[in-house]
Amino acid sequence: MKPLFSAKSITGERRRHERVEVSYTAQVHVTDDKGKRVGVLRQLSRGGFMIEPEREFKEGNKLKLVLVDRSENIRLTVKVVTRYADIRRAGFEFEGLDIESAIEVGIMIGKYYQTDAVLA
């Protein structure tokens, strides 16, 4: 028999992709398509990202933003939809991510992914 409610429906959790934390000290930043800095990347997943914004964003807006990771020489232009925005955080969902961009996102996720394993 199928359960009436899942943990996902009870908690309201809609995420389909695991998120990785990106430390502030990593200094991965996000710019608009004209090169103006709009925030610092704090979380990243295959489905989108969250920043500490340096300007206001409006939920539902479609934008073209650039993820800039100087240490990996990555400047990744992505189309996004603003899904969450307040003065402390702004969350974006990727829209129509192509294969090459998905690979770049994967490289960044791999770099910042942390496990609980202790190396002896």
PDB file of N, CA and C in Angstrom:
ATOM      1  N   MET A   1       0.832  -1.168   0.000  1.00  0.00           N
ATOM      2  CA  MET A   1       0.000   0.000   0.000  1.00  0.00           C
ATOM      3  C   MET A   1       0.889   1.247   0.000  1.00  0.00           C
ATOM      4  N   LYS A   2       0.563   2.202  -0.837  1.00  0.00           N
ATOM      5  CA  LYS A   2       1.336   3.431  -0.970  1.00  0.00           C
ATOM      6  C   LYS A   2       0.964   4.407   0.152  1.00  0.00           C
ATOM      7  N   PRO A   3       1.966   5.027   0.819  1.00  0.00           N
ATOM      8  CA  PRO A   3       1.655   5.972   1.895  1.00  0.00           C
ATOM      9  C   PRO A   3       0.971   7.224   1.346  1.00  0.00           C
ATOM     10  N   LEU A   4       0.092   7.805   2.171  1.00  0.00           N
ATOM     11  CA  LEU A   4      -0.616   9.008   1.764  1.00  0.00           C
ATOM     12  C   LEU A   4       0.291  10.226   1.733  1.00  0.00           C
ATOM     13  N   PHE A   5       1.244  10.272   2.648  1.00  0.00           N
ATOM     14  CA  PHE A   5       2.143  11.411   2.729  1.00  0.00           C
ATOM     15  C   PHE A   5       3.582  10.931   2.709  1.00  0.00           C
ATOM     16  N   SER A   6       4.410  11.657   2.027  1.00  0.00           N
ATOM     17  CA  SER A   6       5.841  11.362   2.075  1.00  0.00           C
ATOM     18  C   SER A   6       6.504  12.382   2.989  1.00  0.00           C
ATOM     19  N   ALA A   7       7.719  12.073   3.407  1.00  0.00           N
ATOM     20  CA  ALA A   7       8.469  13.033   4.230  1.00  0.00           C
ATOM     21  C   ALA A   7       8.642  14.336   3.464  1.00  0.00           C
ATOM     22  N   LYS A   8       8.790  14.223   2.163  1.00  0.00           N
ATOM     23  CA  LYS A   8       8.967  15.398   1.323  1.00  0.00           C
ATOM     24  C   LYS A   8       7.735  16.298   1.367  1.00  0.00           C
ATOM     25  N   SER A   9       6.541  15.705   1.291  1.00  0.00           N
ATOM     26  CA  SER A   9       5.330  16.525   1.290  1.00  0.00           C
ATOM     27  C   SER A   9       5.047  17.124   2.658  1.00  0.00           C
ATOM     28  N   ILE A  10       5.427  16.432   3.707  1.00  0.00           N
ATOM     29  CA  ILE A  10       5.178  16.932   5.061  1.00  0.00           C
ATOM     30  C   ILE A  10       6.109  18.095   5.390  1.00  0.00           C
ATOM     31  N   THR A  11       7.375  17.980   5.017  1.00  0.00           N
ATOM     32  CA  THR A  11       8.343  19.021   5.356  1.00  0.00           C
ATOM     33  C   THR A  11       8.355  20.165   4.353  1.00  0.00           C
ATOM     34  N   GLY A  12       7.720  19.965   3.211  1.00  0.00           N
ATOM     35  CA  GLY A  12       7.718  21.006   2.194  1.00  0.00           C
ATOM     36  C   GLY A  12       9.007  21.060   1.392  1.00  0.00           C
ATOM     37  N   GLU A  13       9.850  20.078   1.529  1.00  0.00           N
ATOM     38  CA  GLU A  13      11.133  20.025   0.835  1.00  0.00           C
ATOM     39  C   GLU A  13      10.897  19.731  -0.640  1.00  0.00           C
ATOM     40  N   ARG A  14      11.335  20.650  -1.514  1.00  0.00           N
ATOM     41  CA  ARG A  14      11.147  20.483  -2.947  1.00  0.00           C
ATOM     42  C   ARG A  14      12.448  20.182  -3.682  1.00  0.00           C
ATOM     43  N   ARG A  15      13.552  20.244  -2.991  1.00  0.00           N
ATOM     44  CA  ARG A  15      14.836  20.103  -3.672  1.00  0.00           C
ATOM     45  C   ARG A  15      15.032  18.696  -4.218  1.00  0.00           C
ATOM     46  N   ARG A  16      15.578  18.644  -5.425  1.00  0.00           N
ATOM     47  CA  ARG A  16      15.876  17.365  -6.061  1.00  0.00           C
ATOM     48  C   ARG A  16      17.371  17.092  -6.098  1.00  0.00           C
ATOM     49  N   HIS A  17      18.176  18.117  -5.815  1.00  0.00           N
ATOM     50  CA  HIS A  17      19.624  17.987  -5.934  1.00  0.00           C
ATOM     51  C   HIS A  17      20.308  18.348  -4.619  1.00  0.00           C
ATOM     52  N   GLU A  18      21.324  17.563  -4.285  1.00  0.00           N
ATOM     53  CA  GLU A  18      22.107  17.848  -3.080  1.00  0.00           C
ATOM     54  C   GLU A  18      22.847  19.175  -3.253  1.00  0.00           C
ATOM     55  N   ARG A  19      22.876  19.950  -2.193  1.00  0.00           N
ATOM     56  CA  ARG A  19      23.570  21.236  -2.217  1.00  0.00           C
ATOM     57  C   ARG A  19      24.926  21.114  -1.539  1.00  0.00           C
ATOM     58  N   VAL A  20      25.906  21.842  -2.054  1.00  0.00           N
ATOM     59  CA  VAL A  20      27.205  21.917  -1.391  1.00  0.00           C
ATOM     60  C   VAL A  20      27.418  23.350  -0.927  1.00  0.00           C
ATOM     61  N   GLU A  21      27.989  23.470   0.260  1.00  0.00           N
ATOM     62  CA  GLU A  21      28.293  24.787   0.815  1.00  0.00           C
ATOM     63  C   GLU A  21      29.583  25.301   0.174  1.00  0.00           C
ATOM     64  N   VAL A  22      29.606  26.566  -0.137  1.00  0.00           N
ATOM     65  CA  VAL A  22      30.807  27.212  -0.654  1.00  0.00           C
ATOM     66  C   VAL A  22      31.197  28.269   0.373  1.00  0.00           C
ATOM     67  N   SER A  23      32.372  28.118   0.967  1.00  0.00           N
ATOM     68  CA  SER A  23      32.770  29.041   2.034  1.00  0.00           C
ATOM     69  C   SER A  23      32.989  30.444   1.475  1.00  0.00           C
ATOM     70  N   TYR A  24      32.753  31.409   2.328  1.00  0.00           N
ATOM     71  CA  TYR A  24      32.951  32.803   1.941  1.00  0.00           C
ATOM     72  C   TYR A  24      34.400  33.046   1.530  1.00  0.00           C
ATOM     73  N   THR A  25      35.320  32.351   2.185  1.00  0.00           N
ATOM     74  CA  THR A  25      36.742  32.541   1.892  1.00  0.00           C
ATOM     75  C   THR A  25      37.138  32.027   0.511  1.00  0.00           C
ATOM     76  N   ALA A  26      36.308  31.172  -0.096  1.00  0.00           N
ATOM     77  CA  ALA A  26      36.592  30.683  -1.446  1.00  0.00           C
ATOM     78  C   ALA A  26      36.485  31.817  -2.464  1.00  0.00           C
ATOM     79  N   GLN A  27      35.718  32.856  -2.114  1.00  0.00           N
ATOM     80  CA  GLN A  27      35.546  34.039  -2.956  1.00  0.00           C
ATOM     81  C   GLN A  27      35.122  33.710  -4.388  1.00  0.00           C
ATOM     82  N   VAL A  28      34.153  32.797  -4.509  1.00  0.00           N
ATOM     83  CA  VAL A  28      33.514  32.559  -5.799  1.00  0.00           C
ATOM     84  C   VAL A  28      32.389  33.580  -5.868  1.00  0.00           C
ATOM     85  N   HIS A  29      32.433  34.442  -6.858  1.00  0.00           N
ATOM     86  CA  HIS A  29      31.411  35.472  -6.924  1.00  0.00           C
ATOM     87  C   HIS A  29      30.554  35.341  -8.176  1.00  0.00           C
ATOM     88  N   VAL A  30      29.485  36.113  -8.189  1.00  0.00           N
ATOM     89  CA  VAL A  30      28.519  36.085  -9.281  1.00  0.00           C
ATOM     90  C   VAL A  30      28.387  37.506  -9.807  1.00  0.00           C
ATOM     91  N   THR A  31      28.373  37.636 -11.140  1.00  0.00           N
ATOM     92  CA  THR A  31      28.184  38.944 -11.766  1.00  0.00           C
ATOM     93  C   THR A  31      26.949  38.898 -12.658  1.00  0.00           C
ATOM     94  N   ASP A  32      26.483  40.084 -13.066  1.00  0.00           N
ATOM     95  CA  ASP A  32      25.434  40.114 -14.079  1.00  0.00           C
ATOM     96  C   ASP A  32      26.106  39.941 -15.438  1.00  0.00           C
ATOM     97  N   ASP A  33      25.313  39.939 -16.506  1.00  0.00           N
ATOM     98  CA  ASP A  33      25.892  39.687 -17.831  1.00  0.00           C
ATOM     99  C   ASP A  33      26.737  40.857 -18.344  1.00  0.00           C
ATOM    100  N   LYS A  34      26.745  41.974 -17.615  1.00  0.00           N
ATOM    101  CA  LYS A  34      27.590  43.116 -17.979  1.00  0.00           C
ATOM    102  C   LYS A  34      28.882  43.154 -17.156  1.00  0.00           C
ATOM    103  N   GLY A  35      29.045  42.179 -16.249  1.00  0.00           N
ATOM    104  CA  GLY A  35      30.263  42.089 -15.452  1.00  0.00           C
ATOM    105  C   GLY A  35      30.195  42.750 -14.089  1.00  0.00           C
ATOM    106  N   LYS A  36      29.038  43.317 -13.727  1.00  0.00           N
ATOM    107  CA  LYS A  36      28.905  43.952 -12.411  1.00  0.00           C
ATOM    108  C   LYS A  36      28.635  42.883 -11.357  1.00  0.00           C
ATOM    109  N   ARG A  37      29.430  42.905 -10.298  1.00  0.00           N
ATOM    110  CA  ARG A  37      29.295  41.922  -9.217  1.00  0.00           C
ATOM    111  C   ARG A  37      27.943  42.070  -8.522  1.00  0.00           C
ATOM    112  N   VAL A  38      27.241  40.921  -8.343  1.00  0.00           N
ATOM    113  CA  VAL A  38      25.919  40.946  -7.702  1.00  0.00           C
ATOM    114  C   VAL A  38      25.877  40.146  -6.407  1.00  0.00           C
ATOM    115  N   GLY A  39      26.934  39.366  -6.108  1.00  0.00           N
ATOM    116  CA  GLY A  39      26.936  38.607  -4.869  1.00  0.00           C
ATOM    117  C   GLY A  39      28.051  37.587  -4.791  1.00  0.00           C
ATOM    118  N   VAL A  40      28.100  36.914  -3.630  1.00  0.00           N
ATOM    119  CA  VAL A  40      29.088  35.867  -3.357  1.00  0.00           C
ATOM    120  C   VAL A  40      28.363  34.528  -3.295  1.00  0.00           C
ATOM    121  N   LEU A  41      28.873  33.537  -4.020  1.00  0.00           N
ATOM    122  CA  LEU A  41      28.268  32.202  -4.045  1.00  0.00           C
ATOM    123  C   LEU A  41      28.422  31.525  -2.692  1.00  0.00           C
ATOM    124  N   ARG A  42      27.315  30.982  -2.154  1.00  0.00           N
ATOM    125  CA  ARG A  42      27.357  30.302  -0.849  1.00  0.00           C
ATOM    126  C   ARG A  42      26.915  28.856  -0.921  1.00  0.00           C
ATOM    127  N   GLN A  43      26.043  28.503  -1.882  1.00  0.00           N
ATOM    128  CA  GLN A  43      25.617  27.114  -2.074  1.00  0.00           C
ATOM    129  C   GLN A  43      25.494  26.859  -3.566  1.00  0.00           C
ATOM    130  N   LEU A  44      25.749  25.599  -3.948  1.00  0.00           N
ATOM    131  CA  LEU A  44      25.668  25.215  -5.349  1.00  0.00           C
ATOM    132  C   LEU A  44      25.133  23.803  -5.446  1.00  0.00           C
ATOM    133  N   SER A  45      24.279  23.569  -6.441  1.00  0.00           N
ATOM    134  CA  SER A  45      23.790  22.220  -6.725  1.00  0.00           C
ATOM    135  C   SER A  45      23.641  22.086  -8.235  1.00  0.00           C
ATOM    136  N   ARG A  46      23.297  20.889  -8.687  1.00  0.00           N
ATOM    137  CA  ARG A  46      23.055  20.682 -10.116  1.00  0.00           C
ATOM    138  C   ARG A  46      21.838  21.461 -10.586  1.00  0.00           C
ATOM    139  N   GLY A  47      20.967  21.849  -9.658  1.00  0.00           N
ATOM    140  CA  GLY A  47      19.742  22.550 -10.031  1.00  0.00           C
ATOM    141  C   GLY A  47      19.793  24.056  -9.918  1.00  0.00           C
ATOM    142  N   GLY A  48      20.809  24.593  -9.208  1.00  0.00           N
ATOM    143  CA  GLY A  48      20.872  26.042  -9.039  1.00  0.00           C
ATOM    144  C   GLY A  48      21.874  26.442  -7.975  1.00  0.00           C
ATOM    145  N   PHE A  49      21.729  27.655  -7.453  1.00  0.00           N
ATOM    146  CA  PHE A  49      22.685  28.154  -6.469  1.00  0.00           C
ATOM    147  C   PHE A  49      22.063  29.240  -5.607  1.00  0.00           C
ATOM    148  N   MET A  50      22.758  29.525  -4.501  1.00  0.00           N
ATOM    149  CA  MET A  50      22.340  30.591  -3.597  1.00  0.00           C
ATOM    150  C   MET A  50      23.526  31.522  -3.365  1.00  0.00           C
ATOM    151  N   ILE A  51      23.225  32.824  -3.300  1.00  0.00           N
ATOM    152  CA  ILE A  51      24.271  33.815  -3.070  1.00  0.00           C
ATOM    153  C   ILE A  51      23.930  34.697  -1.874  1.00  0.00           C
ATOM    154  N   GLU A  52      24.953  35.373  -1.364  1.00  0.00           N
ATOM    155  CA  GLU A  52      24.764  36.509  -0.469  1.00  0.00           C
ATOM    156  C   GLU A  52      24.738  37.709  -1.408  1.00  0.00           C
ATOM    157  N   PRO A  53      23.559  38.296  -1.610  1.00  0.00           N
ATOM    158  CA  PRO A  53      23.428  39.329  -2.648  1.00  0.00           C
ATOM    159  C   PRO A  53      24.010  40.684  -2.245  1.00  0.00           C
ATOM    160  N   GLU A  54      24.440  41.411  -3.258  1.00  0.00           N
ATOM    161  CA  GLU A  54      24.912  42.779  -3.080  1.00  0.00           C
ATOM    162  C   GLU A  54      23.938  43.760  -3.717  1.00  0.00           C
ATOM    163  N   ARG A  55      22.780  43.256  -4.146  1.00  0.00           N
ATOM    164  CA  ARG A  55      21.697  44.068  -4.690  1.00  0.00           C
ATOM    165  C   ARG A  55      20.397  43.318  -4.478  1.00  0.00           C
ATOM    166  N   GLU A  56      19.280  43.935  -4.782  1.00  0.00           N
ATOM    167  CA  GLU A  56      17.983  43.283  -4.613  1.00  0.00           C
ATOM    168  C   GLU A  56      17.635  42.444  -5.833  1.00  0.00           C
ATOM    169  N   PHE A  57      16.953  41.323  -5.570  1.00  0.00           N
ATOM    170  CA  PHE A  57      16.420  40.474  -6.623  1.00  0.00           C
ATOM    171  C   PHE A  57      14.939  40.279  -6.369  1.00  0.00           C
ATOM    172  N   LYS A  58      14.180  40.038  -7.424  1.00  0.00           N
ATOM    173  CA  LYS A  58      12.742  39.826  -7.302  1.00  0.00           C
ATOM    174  C   LYS A  58      12.416  38.396  -7.721  1.00  0.00           C
ATOM    175  N   GLU A  59      11.677  37.694  -6.869  1.00  0.00           N
ATOM    176  CA  GLU A  59      11.302  36.315  -7.170  1.00  0.00           C
ATOM    177  C   GLU A  59      10.559  36.250  -8.498  1.00  0.00           C
ATOM    178  N   GLY A  60      10.898  35.225  -9.298  1.00  0.00           N
ATOM    179  CA  GLY A  60      10.260  35.011 -10.589  1.00  0.00           C
ATOM    180  C   GLY A  60      10.984  35.648 -11.760  1.00  0.00           C
ATOM    181  N   ASN A  61      11.921  36.564 -11.495  1.00  0.00           N
ATOM    182  CA  ASN A  61      12.660  37.208 -12.584  1.00  0.00           C
ATOM    183  C   ASN A  61      13.596  36.223 -13.266  1.00  0.00           C
ATOM    184  N   LYS A  62      13.681  36.327 -14.596  1.00  0.00           N
ATOM    185  CA  LYS A  62      14.626  35.531 -15.378  1.00  0.00           C
ATOM    186  C   LYS A  62      15.834  36.411 -15.667  1.00  0.00           C
ATOM    187  N   LEU A  63      17.019  35.846 -15.420  1.00  0.00           N
ATOM    188  CA  LEU A  63      18.263  36.605 -15.546  1.00  0.00           C
ATOM    189  C   LEU A  63      19.336  35.782 -16.232  1.00  0.00           C
ATOM    190  N   LYS A  64      20.367  36.471 -16.679  1.00  0.00           N
ATOM    191  CA  LYS A  64      21.583  35.821 -17.148  1.00  0.00           C
ATOM    192  C   LYS A  64      22.678  36.266 -16.186  1.00  0.00           C
ATOM    193  N   LEU A  65      23.265  35.302 -15.460  1.00  0.00           N
ATOM    194  CA  LEU A  65      24.307  35.595 -14.481  1.00  0.00           C
ATOM    195  C   LEU A  65      25.574  34.823 -14.826  1.00  0.00           C
ATOM    196  N   VAL A  66      26.683  35.238 -14.231  1.00  0.00           N
ATOM    197  CA  VAL A  66      27.974  34.598 -14.485  1.00  0.00           C
ATOM    198  C   VAL A  66      28.580  34.159 -13.157  1.00  0.00           C
ATOM    199  N   LEU A  67      28.879  32.851 -13.043  1.00  0.00           N
ATOM    200  CA  LEU A  67      29.582  32.310 -11.878  1.00  0.00           C
ATOM    201  C   LEU A  67      31.077  32.435 -12.165  1.00  0.00           C
ATOM    202  N   VAL A  68      31.810  33.054 -11.244  1.00  0.00           N
ATOM    203  CA  VAL A  68      33.235  33.305 -11.459  1.00  0.00           C
ATOM    204  C   VAL A  68      34.041  32.646 -10.345  1.00  0.00           C
ATOM    205  N   ASP A  69      34.806  31.609 -10.723  1.00  0.00           N
ATOM    206  CA  ASP A  69      35.707  30.929  -9.791  1.00  0.00           C
ATOM    207  C   ASP A  69      37.115  31.089 -10.355  1.00  0.00           C
ATOM    208  N   ARG A  70      37.824  32.077  -9.871  1.00  0.00           N
ATOM    209  CA  ARG A  70      39.161  32.382 -10.405  1.00  0.00           C
ATOM    210  C   ARG A  70      40.145  31.241 -10.188  1.00  0.00           C
ATOM    211  N   SER A  71      39.998  30.520  -9.072  1.00  0.00           N
ATOM    212  CA  SER A  71      40.959  29.453  -8.778  1.00  0.00           C
ATOM    213  C   SER A  71      40.858  28.300  -9.771  1.00  0.00           C
ATOM    214  N   GLU A  72      39.696  28.123 -10.397  1.00  0.00           N
ATOM    215  CA  GLU A  72      39.513  27.072 -11.407  1.00  0.00           C
ATOM    216  C   GLU A  72      39.457  27.658 -12.817  1.00  0.00           C
ATOM    217  N   ASN A  73      39.662  28.974 -12.923  1.00  0.00           N
ATOM    218  CA  ASN A  73      39.574  29.680 -14.202  1.00  0.00           C
ATOM    219  C   ASN A  73      38.214  29.447 -14.880  1.00  0.00           C
ATOM    220  N   ILE A  74      37.152  29.508 -14.082  1.00  0.00           N
ATOM    221  CA  ILE A  74      35.796  29.296 -14.592  1.00  0.00           C
ATOM    222  C   ILE A  74      35.044  30.618 -14.597  1.00  0.00           C
ATOM    223  N   ARG A  75      34.458  30.940 -15.746  1.00  0.00           N
ATOM    224  CA  ARG A  75      33.521  32.056 -15.911  1.00  0.00           C
ATOM    225  C   ARG A  75      32.333  31.468 -16.656  1.00  0.00           C
ATOM    226  N   LEU A  76      31.344  31.060 -15.905  1.00  0.00           N
ATOM    227  CA  LEU A  76      30.225  30.310 -16.459  1.00  0.00           C
ATOM    228  C   LEU A  76      28.968  31.170 -16.531  1.00  0.00           C
ATOM    229  N   THR A  77      28.521  31.477 -17.748  1.00  0.00           N
ATOM    230  CA  THR A  77      27.293  32.242 -17.951  1.00  0.00           C
ATOM    231  C   THR A  77      26.112  31.281 -17.947  1.00  0.00           C
ATOM    232  N   VAL A  78      25.115  31.584 -17.108  1.00  0.00           N
ATOM    233  CA  VAL A  78      23.940  30.714 -16.979  1.00  0.00           C
ATOM    234  C   VAL A  78      22.662  31.543 -17.001  1.00  0.00           C
ATOM    235  N   LYS A  79      21.605  30.933 -17.529  1.00  0.00           N
ATOM    236  CA  LYS A  79      20.271  31.523 -17.453  1.00  0.00           C
ATOM    237  C   LYS A  79      19.611  30.957 -16.207  1.00  0.00           C
ATOM    238  N   VAL A  80      18.987  31.842 -15.420  1.00  0.00           N
ATOM    239  CA  VAL A  80      18.389  31.428 -14.153  1.00  0.00           C
ATOM    240  C   VAL A  80      17.042  32.105 -13.941  1.00  0.00           C
ATOM    241  N   VAL A  81      16.273  31.522 -13.011  1.00  0.00           N
ATOM    242  CA  VAL A  81      15.043  32.128 -12.517  1.00  0.00           C
ATOM    243  C   VAL A  81      15.240  32.349 -11.025  1.00  0.00           C
ATOM    244  N   THR A  82      14.925  33.539 -10.547  1.00  0.00           N
ATOM    245  CA  THR A  82      15.032  33.827  -9.113  1.00  0.00           C
ATOM    246  C   THR A  82      13.904  33.106  -8.398  1.00  0.00           C
ATOM    247  N   ARG A  83      14.245  32.211  -7.472  1.00  0.00           N
ATOM    248  CA  ARG A  83      13.247  31.431  -6.732  1.00  0.00           C
ATOM    249  C   ARG A  83      13.046  31.925  -5.308  1.00  0.00           C
ATOM    250  N   TYR A  84      14.042  32.619  -4.756  1.00  0.00           N
ATOM    251  CA  TYR A  84      13.958  33.110  -3.384  1.00  0.00           C
ATOM    252  C   TYR A  84      14.820  34.359  -3.288  1.00  0.00           C
ATOM    253  N   ALA A  85      14.332  35.367  -2.592  1.00  0.00           N
ATOM    254  CA  ALA A  85      15.136  36.577  -2.439  1.00  0.00           C
ATOM    255  C   ALA A  85      14.763  37.325  -1.169  1.00  0.00           C
ATOM    256  N   ASP A  86      15.771  37.625  -0.351  1.00  0.00           N
ATOM    257  CA  ASP A  86      15.622  38.554   0.761  1.00  0.00           C
ATOM    258  C   ASP A  86      16.949  39.297   0.891  1.00  0.00           C
ATOM    259  N   ILE A  87      17.126  40.076   1.948  1.00  0.00           N
ATOM    260  CA  ILE A  87      18.344  40.885   2.037  1.00  0.00           C
ATOM    261  C   ILE A  87      19.597  40.070   2.348  1.00  0.00           C
ATOM    262  N   ARG A  88      19.419  38.846   2.875  1.00  0.00           N
ATOM    263  CA  ARG A  88      20.577  38.015   3.241  1.00  0.00           C
ATOM    264  C   ARG A  88      20.931  36.955   2.217  1.00  0.00           C
ATOM    265  N   ARG A  89      19.947  36.462   1.477  1.00  0.00           N
ATOM    266  CA  ARG A  89      20.161  35.357   0.534  1.00  0.00           C
ATOM    267  C   ARG A  89      19.290  35.546  -0.708  1.00  0.00           C
ATOM    268  N   ALA A  90      19.776  35.031  -1.829  1.00  0.00           N
ATOM    269  CA  ALA A  90      18.981  34.959  -3.055  1.00  0.00           C
ATOM    270  C   ALA A  90      19.263  33.604  -3.684  1.00  0.00           C
ATOM    271  N   GLY A  91      18.194  32.881  -4.042  1.00  0.00           N
ATOM    272  CA  GLY A  91      18.331  31.557  -4.623  1.00  0.00           C
ATOM    273  C   GLY A  91      17.862  31.538  -6.062  1.00  0.00           C
ATOM    274  N   PHE A  92      18.596  30.826  -6.904  1.00  0.00           N
ATOM    275  CA  PHE A  92      18.318  30.791  -8.334  1.00  0.00           C
ATOM    276  C   PHE A  92      18.273  29.356  -8.839  1.00  0.00           C
ATOM    277  N   GLU A  93      17.367  29.096  -9.768  1.00  0.00           N
ATOM    278  CA  GLU A  93      17.265  27.794 -10.423  1.00  0.00           C
ATOM    279  C   GLU A  93      17.799  27.933 -11.840  1.00  0.00           C
ATOM    280  N   PHE A  94      18.674  26.986 -12.233  1.00  0.00           N
ATOM    281  CA  PHE A  94      19.177  26.993 -13.602  1.00  0.00           C
ATOM    282  C   PHE A  94      18.024  26.772 -14.565  1.00  0.00           C
ATOM    283  N   GLU A  95      18.103  27.417 -15.719  1.00  0.00           N
ATOM    284  CA  GLU A  95      17.095  27.251 -16.755  1.00  0.00           C
ATOM    285  C   GLU A  95      17.803  26.893 -18.056  1.00  0.00           C
ATOM    286  N   GLY A  96      17.534  25.690 -18.562  1.00  0.00           N
ATOM    287  CA  GLY A  96      18.110  25.265 -19.832  1.00  0.00           C
ATOM    288  C   GLY A  96      19.622  25.136 -19.811  1.00  0.00           C
ATOM    289  N   LEU A  97      20.164  24.508 -18.772  1.00  0.00           N
ATOM    290  CA  LEU A  97      21.611  24.336 -18.640  1.00  0.00           C
ATOM    291  C   LEU A  97      22.113  23.375 -19.719  1.00  0.00           C
ATOM    292  N   ASP A  98      23.061  23.815 -20.557  1.00  0.00           N
ATOM    293  CA  ASP A  98      23.594  22.938 -21.604  1.00  0.00           C
ATOM    294  C   ASP A  98      24.656  21.999 -21.024  1.00  0.00           C
ATOM    295  N   ILE A  99      25.089  21.042 -21.825  1.00  0.00           N
ATOM    296  CA  ILE A  99      26.024  20.007 -21.373  1.00  0.00           C
ATOM    297  C   ILE A  99      27.333  20.613 -20.864  1.00  0.00           C
ATOM    298  N   GLU A 100      27.921  21.529 -21.633  1.00  0.00           N
ATOM    299  CA  GLU A 100      29.199  22.119 -21.229  1.00  0.00           C
ATOM    300  C   GLU A 100      29.066  22.857 -19.896  1.00  0.00           C
ATOM    301  N   SER A 101      27.968  23.585 -19.736  1.00  0.00           N
ATOM    302  CA  SER A 101      27.740  24.313 -18.486  1.00  0.00           C
ATOM    303  C   SER A 101      27.526  23.355 -17.326  1.00  0.00           C
ATOM    304  N   ALA A 102      26.801  22.268 -17.573  1.00  0.00           N
ATOM    305  CA  ALA A 102      26.564  21.268 -16.528  1.00  0.00           C
ATOM    306  C   ALA A 102      27.885  20.646 -16.071  1.00  0.00           C
ATOM    307  N   ILE A 103      28.803  20.441 -17.001  1.00  0.00           N
ATOM    308  CA  ILE A 103      30.123  19.900 -16.653  1.00  0.00           C
ATOM    309  C   ILE A 103      30.880  20.890 -15.769  1.00  0.00           C
ATOM    310  N   GLU A 104      30.847  22.169 -16.117  1.00  0.00           N
ATOM    311  CA  GLU A 104      31.511  23.195 -15.303  1.00  0.00           C
ATOM    312  C   GLU A 104      30.910  23.254 -13.899  1.00  0.00           C
ATOM    313  N   VAL A 105      29.580  23.169 -13.804  1.00  0.00           N
ATOM    314  CA  VAL A 105      28.919  23.143 -12.495  1.00  0.00           C
ATOM    315  C   VAL A 105      29.404  21.924 -11.713  1.00  0.00           C
ATOM    316  N   GLY A 106      29.501  20.776 -12.388  1.00  0.00           N
ATOM    317  CA  GLY A 106      29.986  19.553 -11.748  1.00  0.00           C
ATOM    318  C   GLY A 106      31.404  19.695 -11.218  1.00  0.00           C
ATOM    319  N   ILE A 107      32.263  20.378 -11.968  1.00  0.00           N
ATOM    320  CA  ILE A 107      33.636  20.621 -11.515  1.00  0.00           C
ATOM    321  C   ILE A 107      33.624  21.451 -10.235  1.00  0.00           C
ATOM    322  N   MET A 108      32.798  22.485 -10.228  1.00  0.00           N
ATOM    323  CA  MET A 108      32.718  23.342  -9.039  1.00  0.00           C
ATOM    324  C   MET A 108      32.143  22.579  -7.848  1.00  0.00           C
ATOM    325  N   ILE A 109      31.116  21.769  -8.081  1.00  0.00           N
ATOM    326  CA  ILE A 109      30.529  20.974  -6.996  1.00  0.00           C
ATOM    327  C   ILE A 109      31.584  20.027  -6.425  1.00  0.00           C
ATOM    328  N   GLY A 110      32.319  19.353  -7.307  1.00  0.00           N
ATOM    329  CA  GLY A 110      33.362  18.433  -6.864  1.00  0.00           C
ATOM    330  C   GLY A 110      34.423  19.121  -6.027  1.00  0.00           C
ATOM    331  N   LYS A 111      34.756  20.331  -6.382  1.00  0.00           N
ATOM    332  CA  LYS A 111      35.779  21.073  -5.639  1.00  0.00           C
ATOM    333  C   LYS A 111      35.314  21.415  -4.232  1.00  0.00           C
ATOM    334  N   TYR A 112      34.057  21.805  -4.096  1.00  0.00           N
ATOM    335  CA  TYR A 112      33.570  22.282  -2.797  1.00  0.00           C
ATOM    336  C   TYR A 112      32.820  21.229  -1.994  1.00  0.00           C
ATOM    337  N   TYR A 113      32.651  20.031  -2.551  1.00  0.00           N
ATOM    338  CA  TYR A 113      31.950  18.969  -1.836  1.00  0.00           C
ATOM    339  C   TYR A 113      32.784  18.531  -0.640  1.00  0.00           C
ATOM    340  N   GLN A 114      32.138  18.445   0.511  1.00  0.00           N
ATOM    341  CA  GLN A 114      32.832  18.002   1.723  1.00  0.00           C
ATOM    342  C   GLN A 114      32.151  16.754   2.245  1.00  0.00           C
ATOM    343  N   THR A 115      32.965  15.784   2.622  1.00  0.00           N
ATOM    344  CA  THR A 115      32.402  14.568   3.210  1.00  0.00           C
ATOM    345  C   THR A 115      32.690  14.564   4.700  1.00  0.00           C
ATOM    346  N   ASP A 116      32.008  13.681   5.394  1.00  0.00           N
ATOM    347  CA  ASP A 116      32.230  13.539   6.831  1.00  0.00           C
ATOM    348  C   ASP A 116      33.370  12.575   7.134  1.00  0.00           C
ATOM    349  N   ALA A 117      33.992  12.042   6.093  1.00  0.00           N
ATOM    350  CA  ALA A 117      35.058  11.062   6.294  1.00  0.00           C
ATOM    351  C   ALA A 117      36.277  11.715   6.936  1.00  0.00           C
ATOM    352  N   VAL A 118      36.886  10.984   7.827  1.00  0.00           N
ATOM    353  CA  VAL A 118      38.104  11.452   8.483  1.00  0.00           C
ATOM    354  C   VAL A 118      39.264  10.666   7.894  1.00  0.00           C
ATOM    355  N   LEU A 119      40.237  11.389   7.380  1.00  0.00           N
ATOM    356  CA  LEU A 119      41.400  10.721   6.805  1.00  0.00           C
ATOM    357  C   LEU A 119      42.420  10.446   7.896  1.00  0.00           C
ATOM    358  N   ALA A 120      42.903   9.193   7.961  1.00  0.00           N
ATOM    359  CA  ALA A 120      43.878   8.825   8.999  1.00  0.00           C
ATOM    360  C   ALA A 120      45.273   8.848   8.441  1.00  0.00           C
TER     361      ALA A 120
END
